[in-house]
């Protein structure tokens, strides 16, 4: 079974056609990495307040926030963690984009509303804009295909390139030149050395970005979710059923704020520490949720369901009780977002993004130097024919992958069809060429 030429052409052609998508994803991901610093630079007035002597109750802060968003319904309250932080009160309000909320940033000492911004979860406008650029280029569901194509093929290109590079160097007994680029070579050989060595070091990070990125994808994402559900790898949630039908009037800001004080005090008494987000019940007769929202290491992800009228803790889910794979998924996603290890995580992602940009650019440079403008120049593996077994195996892999990763499977099938047609055309051209006399 001659699989090598097919793998070489797969790596080459997929890199050629998917490379631009990976390049865009790396550049936008690099931009996303610095968003915490951008938030501090652009929204410092909203995020911070002068330190006072006594914080106001949440009731007073929610009332102040509701005055700034008079047509909104409170969906979440985030008390400040730092002494100079502001309280975030998020509302569902008319005119806000889907999945966004309108957030009032309240000085916890004076009740002054420092700013009102439309936010995506905890993300401020610039970070939300850059995130959408990274996910779908602001093209909606159509744009999400670009990121899924990049995430689907990134791990394939990383592993196939790593395999070819290691095999190539092992045959030449060059361990040092496998791990490090060669400085003595020139031209295309030098570029190939950098492409292979940097790609080898970046391969693990590429696979990690690919796997975690697919969890957000349009087509593969739901399949990943179904698999996690089937294997009981999902993130557990607290039960929110109240023992009675007593409910807080969510349209009354003072009542909502008073209930927030009650549930926060109950959570504190039960041992829950900052940072937390308080979520009022979305429907009558349901408990409120208080959840930790620290996604940097060590993670804090405990959650409690609390009766807003009595302060009774009805249910608790601790981070240490999560299924192992649910914890792994949370850790992986936090690392992908650059928040797991703070500035160290950001710097690692910056280096990885720059490495991916360089590897893709070097790949195109190698193609340019070897482009088929002279007789005998073909794509890698172009003159070698893969065995029928190799084509069948890769075809079966494409079908199986297509069931779980539709974009990857469909594009792999298209590659196999195109490769077979090109090879058939090349053989016919070779047979029909007149013999030189």
Protein backbone atom coordinates (compact mmCIF):
# COMPACT_ATOMS: atom_id res chain seq x y z
CA UNK A 1 0.00 0.00 0.00
CA UNK A 2 1.67 3.20 -1.21
CA UNK A 3 0.10 5.85 1.00
CA UNK A 4 2.98 8.33 1.04
CA UNK A 5 2.33 10.11 -2.30
CA UNK A 6 -1.33 10.57 -1.42
CA UNK A 7 -0.44 12.03 1.99
CA UNK A 8 2.11 14.33 0.37
CA UNK A 9 -0.35 15.61 -2.19
CA UNK A 10 -3.07 15.90 0.46
CA UNK A 11 -0.79 18.04 2.61
CA UNK A 12 0.28 20.13 -0.38
CA UNK A 13 -3.08 20.75 -2.05
CA UNK A 14 -5.05 21.18 1.15
CA UNK A 15 -2.39 23.58 2.38
CA UNK A 16 -2.70 25.52 -0.86
CA UNK A 17 -6.47 25.86 -0.77
CA UNK A 18 -7.17 25.89 2.98
CA UNK A 19 -4.07 27.93 3.81
CA UNK A 20 -5.82 31.31 3.33
CA UNK A 21 -8.56 30.31 5.78
CA UNK A 22 -5.98 29.17 8.34
CA UNK A 23 -4.02 32.37 7.77
CA UNK A 24 -7.11 34.52 8.41
CA UNK A 25 -7.99 32.49 11.50
CA UNK A 26 -4.44 32.91 12.84
CA UNK A 27 -4.39 36.67 12.22
CA UNK A 28 -7.82 37.27 13.77
CA UNK A 29 -6.94 34.91 16.62
CA UNK A 30 -3.75 36.88 17.21
CA UNK A 31 -5.84 40.05 17.39
CA UNK A 32 -8.27 38.37 19.80
CA UNK A 33 -5.39 37.41 22.10
CA UNK A 34 -4.74 41.04 23.07
CA UNK A 35 -8.39 41.91 23.79
CA UNK A 36 -8.00 41.91 27.62
CA UNK A 37 -5.47 44.73 27.25
CA UNK A 38 -7.70 46.50 24.72
CA UNK A 39 -10.61 46.32 27.18
CA UNK A 40 -8.52 47.94 29.89
CA UNK A 41 -7.34 50.62 27.47
CA UNK A 42 -10.70 51.46 25.92
CA UNK A 43 -13.11 50.86 28.80
CA UNK A 44 -11.11 51.78 31.87
CA UNK A 45 -13.73 54.33 32.99
CA UNK A 46 -16.48 51.70 32.80
CA UNK A 47 -14.48 48.96 34.51
CA UNK A 48 -13.06 50.95 37.41
CA UNK A 49 -14.27 53.34 40.10
CA UNK A 50 -12.51 55.23 42.91
CA UNK A 51 -12.28 53.11 46.04
CA UNK A 52 -14.72 54.29 48.69
CA UNK A 53 -15.29 53.40 52.31
CA UNK A 54 -18.56 51.44 52.09
CA UNK A 55 -20.19 49.55 49.24
CA UNK A 56 -23.88 49.99 48.56
CA UNK A 57 -26.25 47.03 48.71
CA UNK A 58 -26.96 45.35 45.38
CA UNK A 59 -30.54 46.59 45.66
CA UNK A 60 -29.42 50.21 45.39
CA UNK A 61 -27.01 49.43 42.56
CA UNK A 62 -29.63 47.53 40.56
CA UNK A 63 -32.10 50.39 40.99
CA UNK A 64 -29.47 52.80 39.65
CA UNK A 65 -28.72 50.51 36.72
CA UNK A 66 -32.41 50.09 35.91
CA UNK A 67 -32.78 53.87 35.77
CA UNK A 68 -30.11 53.90 33.07
CA UNK A 69 -31.81 51.04 31.17
CA UNK A 70 -35.48 51.77 31.90
CA UNK A 71 -36.94 49.31 29.38
CA UNK A 72 -34.75 46.35 30.34
CA UNK A 73 -35.20 43.13 32.33
CA UNK A 74 -32.32 42.09 34.57
CA UNK A 75 -30.66 38.88 33.38
CA UNK A 76 -27.39 38.90 35.34
CA UNK A 77 -25.57 40.76 38.10
CA UNK A 78 -21.80 40.57 38.59
CA UNK A 79 -20.50 42.15 41.80
CA UNK A 80 -16.97 43.57 41.54
CA UNK A 81 -14.00 41.41 42.47
CA UNK A 82 -11.38 44.12 42.96
CA UNK A 83 -11.85 47.04 45.30
CA UNK A 84 -11.78 49.45 42.36
CA UNK A 85 -14.08 47.38 40.14
CA UNK A 86 -17.60 48.27 39.04
CA UNK A 87 -20.73 46.16 39.36
CA UNK A 88 -22.13 44.87 36.08
CA UNK A 89 -25.90 44.67 35.74
CA UNK A 90 -26.97 43.14 32.43
CA UNK A 91 -30.43 43.54 30.92
CA UNK A 92 -32.45 42.04 28.13
CA UNK A 93 -33.60 45.15 26.30
CA UNK A 94 -35.27 46.13 23.00
CA UNK A 95 -32.91 46.93 20.15
CA UNK A 96 -30.07 44.75 21.42
CA UNK A 97 -28.55 42.27 18.95
CA UNK A 98 -29.31 38.57 19.36
CA UNK A 99 -27.27 36.88 22.12
CA UNK A 100 -26.15 40.31 23.40
CA UNK A 101 -27.25 42.14 26.53
CA UNK A 102 -27.23 45.77 27.63
CA UNK A 103 -24.93 46.17 30.62
CA UNK A 104 -24.79 49.06 33.07
CA UNK A 105 -21.49 49.52 34.90
CA UNK A 106 -22.25 50.87 38.37
CA UNK A 107 -19.90 52.47 40.89
CA UNK A 108 -20.50 50.22 43.93
CA UNK A 109 -19.70 53.05 46.36
CA UNK A 110 -21.83 55.87 44.93
CA UNK A 111 -24.37 54.13 42.70
CA UNK A 112 -23.29 56.23 39.72
CA UNK A 113 -23.68 54.49 36.36
CA UNK A 114 -20.26 54.81 34.73
CA UNK A 115 -21.29 53.49 31.31
CA UNK A 116 -23.94 51.49 29.47
CA UNK A 117 -22.58 49.09 26.84
CA UNK A 118 -23.97 46.26 24.74
CA UNK A 119 -22.05 43.15 25.76
CA UNK A 120 -21.75 39.55 24.59
CA UNK A 121 -21.74 37.58 27.82
CA UNK A 122 -18.92 39.14 29.82
CA UNK A 123 -17.22 40.49 26.70
CA UNK A 124 -17.19 44.19 26.01
CA UNK A 125 -17.98 45.60 22.54
CA UNK A 126 -14.48 45.54 20.99
CA UNK A 127 -13.77 42.03 22.23
CA UNK A 128 -17.18 40.85 21.00
CA UNK A 129 -16.49 42.44 17.59
CA UNK A 130 -13.08 40.78 17.29
CA UNK A 131 -14.54 37.46 18.44
CA UNK A 132 -17.18 37.62 15.68
CA UNK A 133 -14.44 38.50 13.19
CA UNK A 134 -12.50 35.42 14.26
CA UNK A 135 -15.56 33.13 14.19
CA UNK A 136 -17.40 34.22 11.06
CA UNK A 137 -15.83 37.39 9.58
CA UNK A 138 -19.12 39.15 10.47
CA UNK A 139 -20.86 37.14 7.75
CA UNK A 140 -23.20 35.17 10.02
CA UNK A 141 -23.67 31.44 9.52
CA UNK A 142 -22.13 31.56 6.05
CA UNK A 143 -18.95 32.98 7.52
CA UNK A 144 -18.76 30.25 10.12
CA UNK A 145 -17.92 27.79 7.34
CA UNK A 146 -14.54 29.52 6.95
CA UNK A 147 -13.55 28.96 10.58
CA UNK A 148 -14.85 25.39 10.58
CA UNK A 149 -12.88 24.63 7.43
CA UNK A 150 -9.74 26.03 9.05
CA UNK A 151 -10.31 24.19 12.35
CA UNK A 152 -11.21 20.94 10.57
CA UNK A 153 -8.05 20.82 8.47
CA UNK A 154 -5.57 22.40 10.88
CA UNK A 155 -4.99 19.19 12.82
CA UNK A 156 -4.76 17.13 9.61
CA UNK A 157 -2.14 19.44 8.13
CA UNK A 158 -0.23 19.55 11.42
CA UNK A 159 -0.10 15.78 11.87
CA UNK A 160 0.56 14.94 8.20
CA UNK A 161 3.29 17.57 7.99
CA UNK A 162 4.85 16.36 11.24
CA UNK A 163 4.82 12.75 10.02
CA UNK A 164 6.42 13.61 6.68
CA UNK A 165 9.04 15.84 8.29
CA UNK A 166 10.06 13.32 10.96
CA UNK A 167 10.23 10.43 8.45
CA UNK A 168 12.25 12.54 6.03
CA UNK A 169 14.77 13.56 8.68
CA UNK A 170 14.97 10.15 10.34
CA UNK A 171 16.05 8.59 7.05
CA UNK A 172 18.92 11.06 6.98
CA UNK A 173 19.74 10.58 10.67
CA UNK A 174 19.43 14.28 11.41
CA UNK A 175 17.76 14.61 14.80
CA UNK A 176 19.09 18.11 15.41
CA UNK A 177 17.94 19.29 11.98
CA UNK A 178 14.55 17.74 12.67
CA UNK A 179 14.00 19.92 15.70
CA UNK A 180 15.86 23.04 14.55
CA UNK A 181 16.03 24.78 11.17
CA UNK A 182 19.20 24.52 9.15
CA UNK A 183 21.25 27.67 8.92
CA UNK A 184 23.72 26.46 6.33
CA UNK A 185 21.27 25.84 3.49
CA UNK A 186 19.97 28.38 0.99
CA UNK A 187 16.92 28.96 -1.13
CA UNK A 188 14.01 26.54 -1.07
CA UNK A 189 15.84 24.01 1.13
CA UNK A 190 16.27 26.62 3.84
CA UNK A 191 12.61 27.64 3.68
CA UNK A 192 11.57 23.97 3.86
CA UNK A 193 13.78 23.54 6.93
CA UNK A 194 12.08 26.43 8.71
CA UNK A 195 8.63 25.29 7.54
CA UNK A 196 9.20 21.77 8.87
CA UNK A 197 10.94 22.61 12.14
CA UNK A 198 8.59 25.40 13.21
CA UNK A 199 5.60 23.32 12.10
CA UNK A 200 6.86 20.43 14.23
CA UNK A 201 7.10 22.60 17.36
CA UNK A 202 3.71 24.18 16.69
CA UNK A 203 1.92 20.91 15.87
CA UNK A 204 0.65 20.20 19.39
CA UNK A 205 -0.72 23.72 19.71
CA UNK A 206 -2.34 23.46 16.27
CA UNK A 207 -4.10 20.23 17.25
CA UNK A 208 -5.28 21.81 20.51
CA UNK A 209 -6.65 24.88 18.73
CA UNK A 210 -8.34 22.67 16.14
CA UNK A 211 -10.05 20.38 18.67
CA UNK A 212 -11.30 23.18 20.90
CA UNK A 213 -12.26 25.35 17.93
CA UNK A 214 -14.49 22.62 16.54
CA UNK A 215 -16.63 22.71 19.68
CA UNK A 216 -17.94 26.12 18.48
CA UNK A 217 -18.32 25.12 14.83
CA UNK A 218 -21.60 25.22 12.92
CA UNK A 219 -21.78 21.60 11.74
CA UNK A 220 -19.29 19.61 13.83
CA UNK A 221 -20.15 21.49 17.04
CA UNK A 222 -23.59 19.87 17.54
CA UNK A 223 -22.05 16.44 16.88
CA UNK A 224 -19.42 17.12 19.53
CA UNK A 225 -22.21 18.13 21.90
CA UNK A 226 -24.20 14.97 21.16
CA UNK A 227 -21.11 12.83 21.76
CA UNK A 228 -20.44 14.53 25.09
CA UNK A 229 -24.05 13.96 26.10
CA UNK A 230 -23.95 10.29 25.10
CA UNK A 231 -20.74 9.75 27.11
CA UNK A 232 -21.95 11.85 30.06
CA UNK A 233 -19.21 14.43 29.50
CA UNK A 234 -21.53 17.44 29.67
CA UNK A 235 -21.20 20.30 32.08
CA UNK A 236 -23.60 19.63 35.01
CA UNK A 237 -26.12 22.28 35.96
CA UNK A 238 -28.01 22.98 39.16
CA UNK A 239 -31.69 22.14 39.48
CA UNK A 240 -33.76 25.32 39.66
CA UNK A 241 -37.15 24.10 40.82
CA UNK A 242 -38.46 25.95 43.85
CA UNK A 243 -40.37 24.13 46.61
CA UNK A 244 -43.11 26.76 46.20
CA UNK A 245 -44.34 28.99 43.40
CA UNK A 246 -43.21 32.18 45.12
CA UNK A 247 -41.40 34.36 42.59
CA UNK A 248 -39.68 37.72 42.49
CA UNK A 249 -41.17 40.33 40.18
CA UNK A 250 -38.40 40.73 37.63
CA UNK A 251 -39.84 44.05 36.45
CA UNK A 252 -39.32 45.63 39.87
CA UNK A 253 -35.67 46.67 40.08
CA UNK A 254 -35.77 47.15 43.85
CA UNK A 255 -37.21 43.66 44.39
CA UNK A 256 -34.66 42.13 42.04
CA UNK A 257 -31.83 43.93 43.80
CA UNK A 258 -33.06 42.90 47.24
CA UNK A 259 -33.32 39.27 46.10
CA UNK A 260 -29.80 39.54 44.69
CA UNK A 261 -28.56 40.61 48.13
CA UNK A 262 -30.36 37.60 49.66
CA UNK A 263 -28.97 34.98 47.28
CA UNK A 264 -25.45 36.45 47.34
CA UNK A 265 -25.39 36.38 51.14
CA UNK A 266 -26.62 32.77 51.09
CA UNK A 267 -23.94 31.78 48.59
CA UNK A 268 -21.25 33.48 50.65
CA UNK A 269 -22.45 31.69 53.79
CA UNK A 270 -22.29 28.38 51.91
CA UNK A 271 -18.65 29.00 51.05
CA UNK A 272 -18.83 30.43 47.52
CA UNK A 273 -16.07 32.92 46.83
CA UNK A 274 -15.55 35.56 44.12
CA UNK A 275 -15.92 36.04 41.24
CA UNK A 276 -19.60 35.21 40.86
CA UNK A 277 -22.48 35.95 38.51
CA UNK A 278 -26.05 36.11 39.83
CA UNK A 279 -28.74 35.06 37.37
CA UNK A 280 -32.39 35.75 38.24
CA UNK A 281 -34.89 33.05 37.33
CA UNK A 282 -35.99 33.27 33.72
CA UNK A 283 -39.51 32.14 34.63
CA UNK A 284 -41.75 32.22 37.72
CA UNK A 285 -41.38 29.40 40.21
CA UNK A 286 -37.67 28.82 39.51
CA UNK A 287 -34.66 29.31 41.73
CA UNK A 288 -31.94 31.86 41.09
CA UNK A 289 -28.43 30.72 40.18
CA UNK A 290 -25.19 31.98 41.65
CA UNK A 291 -22.19 30.67 39.72
CA UNK A 292 -18.47 31.21 39.98
CA UNK A 293 -17.01 32.56 36.73
CA UNK A 294 -13.24 32.34 37.22
CA UNK A 295 -11.77 30.63 34.14
CA UNK A 296 -8.10 31.21 34.92
CA UNK A 297 -6.10 28.61 36.80
CA UNK A 298 -7.16 27.41 39.31
CA UNK A 299 -10.65 27.49 37.86
CA UNK A 300 -13.65 28.33 40.02
CA UNK A 301 -16.85 26.97 38.49
CA UNK A 302 -19.08 26.06 41.45
CA UNK A 303 -22.79 26.83 41.07
CA UNK A 304 -25.73 27.00 43.48
CA UNK A 305 -29.49 27.22 43.07
CA UNK A 306 -30.94 29.47 45.77
CA UNK A 307 -34.46 30.40 46.79
CA UNK A 308 -34.54 34.22 46.37
CA UNK A 309 -37.18 34.69 49.07
CA UNK A 310 -35.69 32.58 51.87
CA UNK A 311 -32.04 32.30 50.88
CA UNK A 312 -32.19 28.50 51.13
CA UNK A 313 -29.55 26.69 49.05
CA UNK A 314 -31.53 24.17 47.02
CA UNK A 315 -28.82 22.54 44.93
CA UNK A 316 -25.04 22.74 44.55
CA UNK A 317 -22.68 21.59 41.81
CA UNK A 318 -18.98 21.77 42.64
CA UNK A 319 -16.22 22.07 40.05
CA UNK A 320 -14.47 19.01 41.46
CA UNK A 321 -17.65 16.98 40.85
CA UNK A 322 -17.72 17.68 37.12
CA UNK A 323 -16.96 14.71 34.85
CA UNK A 324 -13.26 14.60 33.97
CA UNK A 325 -13.85 15.23 30.26
CA UNK A 326 -16.15 18.17 31.04
CA UNK A 327 -13.33 19.65 33.12
CA UNK A 328 -10.86 18.97 30.30
CA UNK A 329 -13.15 20.69 27.80
CA UNK A 330 -13.48 23.74 30.05
CA UNK A 331 -9.72 23.92 30.55
CA UNK A 332 -9.05 23.50 26.82
CA UNK A 333 -11.53 26.20 25.83
CA UNK A 334 -10.12 28.60 28.44
CA UNK A 335 -6.63 27.97 27.05
CA UNK A 336 -7.90 28.55 23.50
CA UNK A 337 -9.31 31.89 24.65
CA UNK A 338 -6.00 32.88 26.26
CA UNK A 339 -7.32 33.25 29.81
CA UNK A 340 -6.24 30.02 31.52
CA UNK A 341 -2.79 31.17 32.65
CA UNK A 342 -3.17 34.90 32.26
CA UNK A 343 -0.43 36.77 30.41
CA UNK A 344 1.57 33.54 29.99
CA UNK A 345 -1.32 31.96 28.10
CA UNK A 346 -1.61 35.09 25.94
CA UNK A 347 2.09 35.07 25.08
CA UNK A 348 1.96 31.39 24.20
CA UNK A 349 -0.96 32.01 21.83
CA UNK A 350 0.85 34.97 20.28
CA UNK A 351 3.88 32.79 19.56
CA UNK A 352 1.67 29.99 18.23
CA UNK A 353 -0.31 32.35 15.97
CA UNK A 354 2.89 33.88 14.61
CA UNK A 355 4.27 30.38 14.04
CA UNK A 356 1.17 29.36 12.07
CA UNK A 357 1.35 32.56 10.01
CA UNK A 358 5.01 31.88 9.21
CA UNK A 359 4.47 28.18 8.41
CA UNK A 360 1.64 29.00 5.98
CA UNK A 361 3.65 31.81 4.39
CA UNK A 362 6.71 29.58 3.99
CA UNK A 363 4.49 26.94 2.40
CA UNK A 364 3.35 29.39 -0.25
CA UNK A 365 6.90 30.58 -0.78
CA UNK A 366 8.05 27.00 -1.38
CA UNK A 367 5.25 26.52 -3.88
CA UNK A 368 6.27 29.71 -5.69
CA UNK A 369 9.85 28.54 -5.99
CA UNK A 370 8.69 25.15 -7.24
CA UNK A 371 5.67 26.28 -9.27
CA UNK A 372 5.27 24.19 -12.46
CA UNK A 373 6.75 26.70 -14.90
CA UNK A 374 9.57 24.41 -15.96
CA UNK A 375 9.46 20.91 -17.37
CA UNK A 376 9.44 18.19 -14.76
CA UNK A 377 8.24 20.30 -11.87
CA UNK A 378 5.16 18.91 -10.19
CA UNK A 379 3.51 18.99 -6.81
CA UNK A 380 5.06 16.83 -4.05
CA UNK A 381 4.31 13.22 -4.76
CA UNK A 382 2.94 14.26 -8.15
CA UNK A 383 4.79 11.66 -10.19
CA UNK A 384 4.04 8.83 -7.77
CA UNK A 385 0.84 6.81 -7.89
CA UNK A 386 -0.84 5.80 -4.63
CA UNK A 387 -2.01 2.23 -4.38
CA UNK A 388 -5.67 1.35 -4.75
CA UNK A 389 -5.71 0.26 -1.11
CA UNK A 390 -4.52 3.72 -0.05
CA UNK A 391 -7.30 5.41 -2.00
CA UNK A 392 -9.93 3.07 -0.54
CA UNK A 393 -8.67 3.57 3.01
CA UNK A 394 -8.57 7.36 2.71
CA UNK A 395 -12.01 7.27 1.07
CA UNK A 396 -13.45 5.28 3.98
CA UNK A 397 -11.80 7.67 6.43
CA UNK A 398 -13.40 10.58 4.55
CA UNK A 399 -16.85 8.98 4.83
CA UNK A 400 -16.41 8.26 8.53
CA UNK A 401 -15.08 11.75 9.21
CA UNK A 402 -17.96 13.20 7.22
CA UNK A 403 -20.45 11.69 9.64
CA UNK A 404 -18.90 13.62 12.52
CA UNK A 405 -17.04 16.48 10.78
CA UNK A 406 -19.15 17.23 7.69
CA UNK A 407 -16.97 20.04 6.33
CA UNK A 408 -13.78 17.98 6.68
CA UNK A 409 -15.34 14.84 5.21
CA UNK A 410 -16.91 16.62 2.24
CA UNK A 411 -13.73 18.52 1.37
CA UNK A 412 -11.63 15.34 1.70
CA UNK A 413 -13.94 13.50 -0.71
CA UNK A 414 -13.62 16.39 -3.16
CA UNK A 415 -9.84 16.18 -2.86
CA UNK A 416 -9.83 12.45 -3.62
CA UNK A 417 -12.05 12.94 -6.68
CA UNK A 418 -9.93 15.85 -7.93
CA UNK A 419 -6.69 13.95 -7.31
CA UNK A 420 -7.91 10.91 -9.23
CA UNK A 421 -9.00 13.10 -12.17
CA UNK A 422 -5.68 14.96 -12.22
CA UNK A 423 -3.67 11.74 -12.10
CA UNK A 424 -5.79 10.22 -14.87
CA UNK A 425 -5.34 13.31 -17.03
CA UNK A 426 -1.59 13.29 -16.39
CA UNK A 427 -1.30 9.65 -17.46
CA UNK A 428 -3.28 10.32 -20.65
CA UNK A 429 -1.12 13.32 -21.45
CA UNK A 430 2.01 11.26 -20.95
CA UNK A 431 0.72 8.47 -23.21
CA UNK A 432 -0.40 10.89 -25.94
CA UNK A 433 2.84 12.85 -26.04
CA UNK A 434 4.82 12.14 -29.26
CA UNK A 435 8.09 10.38 -28.77
CA UNK A 436 11.08 12.58 -29.60
CA UNK A 437 13.14 11.32 -32.53
